[in-house]
Each structure stands twice: as C-alpha cells, then as structure tokens.
C-alpha cells in the first residue's frame, strides 16, 4: 500500500523535529512540499495544471507528511487563496468547454 509506513526516519523541517515513518510520498515530495510552503513555487500558479499541483503540495501532501501535527495544516491558507483565486479568475465555468477542448 502506498501510504504504509516503512523504517522510521528523522525529519527536520521548519523547526519541526520528530520521528516520522518513511513513506514513498515523503521521500519523493518532502523537498517540493517545503519549497511550496516557503513560497518558492508560486510561479507554478501561472498555469492551470501548475496551480493544481501547487494546491496539492500545499494542502494534501502536508497532511500525509506531518500527520497528527500542526504542521499538517501549514499550507492551508496558501492553498485556500490559490483555490479561491482559480475559481474567481477561471476562464471557464461548469458546464462550459474548458481550455484544451474538453467539456465539463
């Protein structure tokens, strides 16, 4: 199973030091998640797919990486702002054609 834990690993991120189980998601995306939380990937929001990826890095990945800690919710304000901005500035609306020709 993707989310199952492996051997414990020491993690130090934004002052948080805690023994966390090693998971494929943590091993692969911890660096990007930290960059997103630090605002270093803001340019990704310039395109729809990049904005969606950034929301996932800010909202969902911290919940898995720092489960049961306050850090799990550290990206919520940024993810919410990006999501609301995407909805308000959307070039498509539900039940209309989306960019790229697909319909909703």
C-alpha atoms as a PDB file:
ATOM      1  CA  UNK A   1       0.000   0.000   0.000  1.00  0.00           C
ATOM      2  CA  UNK A   2       1.345   3.439  -0.961  1.00  0.00           C
ATOM      3  CA  UNK A   3       0.648   5.087   2.404  1.00  0.00           C
ATOM      4  CA  UNK A   4       2.082   2.326   4.596  1.00  0.00           C
ATOM      5  CA  UNK A   5       4.981   3.266   6.761  1.00  0.00           C
ATOM      6  CA  UNK A   6       8.469   1.874   6.478  1.00  0.00           C
ATOM      7  CA  UNK A   7      11.504   2.397   8.639  1.00  0.00           C
ATOM      8  CA  UNK A   8      11.475   5.495  10.879  1.00  0.00           C
ATOM      9  CA  UNK A   9      13.413   8.483   9.580  1.00  0.00           C
ATOM     10  CA  UNK A  10      14.461  11.681  11.307  1.00  0.00           C
ATOM     11  CA  UNK A  11      12.928  14.719   9.684  1.00  0.00           C
ATOM     12  CA  UNK A  12      13.856  18.328  10.288  1.00  0.00           C
ATOM     13  CA  UNK A  13      11.675  20.865   8.565  1.00  0.00           C
ATOM     14  CA  UNK A  14      10.785  24.411   9.571  1.00  0.00           C
ATOM     15  CA  UNK A  15      11.876  23.774  13.142  1.00  0.00           C
ATOM     16  CA  UNK A  16       9.843  20.581  13.405  1.00  0.00           C
ATOM     17  CA  UNK A  17      11.904  17.681  14.615  1.00  0.00           C
ATOM     18  CA  UNK A  18      10.066  14.432  15.041  1.00  0.00           C
ATOM     19  CA  UNK A  19      10.498  10.786  14.159  1.00  0.00           C
ATOM     20  CA  UNK A  20       8.369  10.153  11.116  1.00  0.00           C
ATOM     21  CA  UNK A  21       7.833   6.897   9.286  1.00  0.00           C
ATOM     22  CA  UNK A  22       9.401   6.782   5.869  1.00  0.00           C
ATOM     23  CA  UNK A  23       6.880   6.682   3.028  1.00  0.00           C
ATOM     24  CA  UNK A  24       7.283   6.928  -0.738  1.00  0.00           C
ATOM     25  CA  UNK A  25       5.329  10.205  -0.701  1.00  0.00           C
ATOM     26  CA  UNK A  26       7.590  11.743   1.972  1.00  0.00           C
ATOM     27  CA  UNK A  27      10.754  10.522   0.324  1.00  0.00           C
ATOM     28  CA  UNK A  28       9.762  11.809  -3.080  1.00  0.00           C
ATOM     29  CA  UNK A  29       7.930  15.046  -2.263  1.00  0.00           C
ATOM     30  CA  UNK A  30       9.240  16.423   1.053  1.00  0.00           C
ATOM     31  CA  UNK A  31      11.600  18.836  -0.704  1.00  0.00           C
ATOM     32  CA  UNK A  32       8.939  20.161  -3.090  1.00  0.00           C
ATOM     33  CA  UNK A  33       6.418  20.450  -0.279  1.00  0.00           C
ATOM     34  CA  UNK A  34       8.860  22.522   1.779  1.00  0.00           C
ATOM     35  CA  UNK A  35       9.548  24.724  -1.256  1.00  0.00           C
ATOM     36  CA  UNK A  36       5.813  25.231  -1.774  1.00  0.00           C
ATOM     37  CA  UNK A  37       5.288  26.130   1.887  1.00  0.00           C
ATOM     38  CA  UNK A  38       8.148  28.643   1.643  1.00  0.00           C
ATOM     39  CA  UNK A  39       6.509  30.297  -1.386  1.00  0.00           C
ATOM     40  CA  UNK A  40       9.316  29.274  -3.715  1.00  0.00           C
ATOM     41  CA  UNK A  41       6.968  27.630  -6.252  1.00  0.00           C
ATOM     42  CA  UNK A  42       4.463  30.487  -6.607  1.00  0.00           C
ATOM     43  CA  UNK A  43       5.249  30.765 -10.325  1.00  0.00           C
ATOM     44  CA  UNK A  44       3.552  27.382 -10.825  1.00  0.00           C
ATOM     45  CA  UNK A  45       0.177  29.077 -10.365  1.00  0.00           C
ATOM     46  CA  UNK A  46       0.597  30.880 -13.702  1.00  0.00           C
ATOM     47  CA  UNK A  47      -0.822  27.816 -15.493  1.00  0.00           C
ATOM     48  CA  UNK A  48      -3.866  25.704 -14.546  1.00  0.00           C
ATOM     49  CA  UNK A  49      -2.011  22.423 -14.114  1.00  0.00           C
ATOM     50  CA  UNK A  50       0.769  24.058 -12.115  1.00  0.00           C
ATOM     51  CA  UNK A  51      -1.757  25.747  -9.862  1.00  0.00           C
ATOM     52  CA  UNK A  52      -3.486  22.449  -9.201  1.00  0.00           C
ATOM     53  CA  UNK A  53      -0.156  20.777  -8.435  1.00  0.00           C
ATOM     54  CA  UNK A  54       0.692  23.593  -6.046  1.00  0.00           C
ATOM     55  CA  UNK A  55      -2.637  23.253  -4.223  1.00  0.00           C
ATOM     56  CA  UNK A  56      -1.968  19.536  -3.765  1.00  0.00           C
ATOM     57  CA  UNK A  57       1.549  20.234  -2.463  1.00  0.00           C
ATOM     58  CA  UNK A  58       0.202  22.807  -0.006  1.00  0.00           C
ATOM     59  CA  UNK A  59      -2.974  21.062   1.108  1.00  0.00           C
ATOM     60  CA  UNK A  60      -2.796  17.304   0.769  1.00  0.00           C
ATOM     61  CA  UNK A  61       0.880  16.424   0.979  1.00  0.00           C
ATOM     62  CA  UNK A  62       1.494  18.109   4.360  1.00  0.00           C
ATOM     63  CA  UNK A  63      -1.400  16.098   5.784  1.00  0.00           C
ATOM     64  CA  UNK A  64       0.452  12.906   4.924  1.00  0.00           C
ATOM     65  CA  UNK A  65       3.989  14.077   5.657  1.00  0.00           C
ATOM     66  CA  UNK A  66       3.210  15.633   9.057  1.00  0.00           C
ATOM     67  CA  UNK A  67       0.163  13.605  10.060  1.00  0.00           C
ATOM     68  CA  UNK A  68      -1.138  14.306  13.587  1.00  0.00           C
ATOM     69  CA  UNK A  69       0.866  17.527  13.941  1.00  0.00           C
ATOM     70  CA  UNK A  70       0.034  21.202  13.477  1.00  0.00           C
ATOM     71  CA  UNK A  71       2.431  21.237  10.523  1.00  0.00           C
ATOM     72  CA  UNK A  72      -0.093  19.091   8.617  1.00  0.00           C
ATOM     73  CA  UNK A  73      -2.169  22.251   8.134  1.00  0.00           C
ATOM     74  CA  UNK A  74       0.640  24.736   7.489  1.00  0.00           C
ATOM     75  CA  UNK A  75      -0.212  25.153   3.795  1.00  0.00           C
ATOM     76  CA  UNK A  76      -3.968  25.605   4.225  1.00  0.00           C
ATOM     77  CA  UNK A  77      -4.033  29.421   3.953  1.00  0.00           C
ATOM     78  CA  UNK A  78      -1.947  29.379   0.758  1.00  0.00           C
ATOM     79  CA  UNK A  79      -3.947  26.507  -0.758  1.00  0.00           C
ATOM     80  CA  UNK A  80      -7.229  28.255   0.021  1.00  0.00           C
ATOM     81  CA  UNK A  81      -6.055  31.524  -1.526  1.00  0.00           C
ATOM     82  CA  UNK A  82      -4.913  29.720  -4.679  1.00  0.00           C
ATOM     83  CA  UNK A  83      -8.171  27.777  -4.931  1.00  0.00           C
ATOM     84  CA  UNK A  84     -10.349  30.854  -4.473  1.00  0.00           C
ATOM     85  CA  UNK A  85      -8.241  32.770  -6.986  1.00  0.00           C
ATOM     86  CA  UNK A  86      -8.622  29.969  -9.511  1.00  0.00           C
ATOM     87  CA  UNK A  87     -12.398  29.934  -9.099  1.00  0.00           C
ATOM     88  CA  UNK A  88     -12.740  33.720  -9.270  1.00  0.00           C
ATOM     89  CA  UNK A  89     -10.440  34.074 -12.269  1.00  0.00           C
ATOM     90  CA  UNK A  90     -11.481  30.935 -14.106  1.00  0.00           C
ATOM     91  CA  UNK A  91     -11.682  31.269 -17.853  1.00  0.00           C
ATOM     92  CA  UNK A  92     -14.308  28.517 -17.851  1.00  0.00           C
ATOM     93  CA  UNK A  93     -17.382  27.809 -15.813  1.00  0.00           C
ATOM     94  CA  UNK A  94     -19.063  24.480 -15.017  1.00  0.00           C
ATOM     95  CA  UNK A  95     -20.995  23.060 -17.971  1.00  0.00           C
ATOM     96  CA  UNK A  96     -18.912  25.057 -20.440  1.00  0.00           C
ATOM     97  CA  UNK A  97     -15.971  23.982 -22.531  1.00  0.00           C
ATOM     98  CA  UNK A  98     -12.683  24.019 -20.691  1.00  0.00           C
ATOM     99  CA  UNK A  99      -9.383  25.167 -22.143  1.00  0.00           C
ATOM    100  CA  UNK A 100      -7.990  22.439 -24.346  1.00  0.00           C
ATOM    101  CA  UNK A 101     -11.348  21.473 -25.807  1.00  0.00           C
ATOM    102  CA  UNK A 102     -12.746  19.164 -23.122  1.00  0.00           C
ATOM    103  CA  UNK A 103     -16.179  19.882 -21.750  1.00  0.00           C
ATOM    104  CA  UNK A 104     -17.299  19.731 -18.171  1.00  0.00           C
END
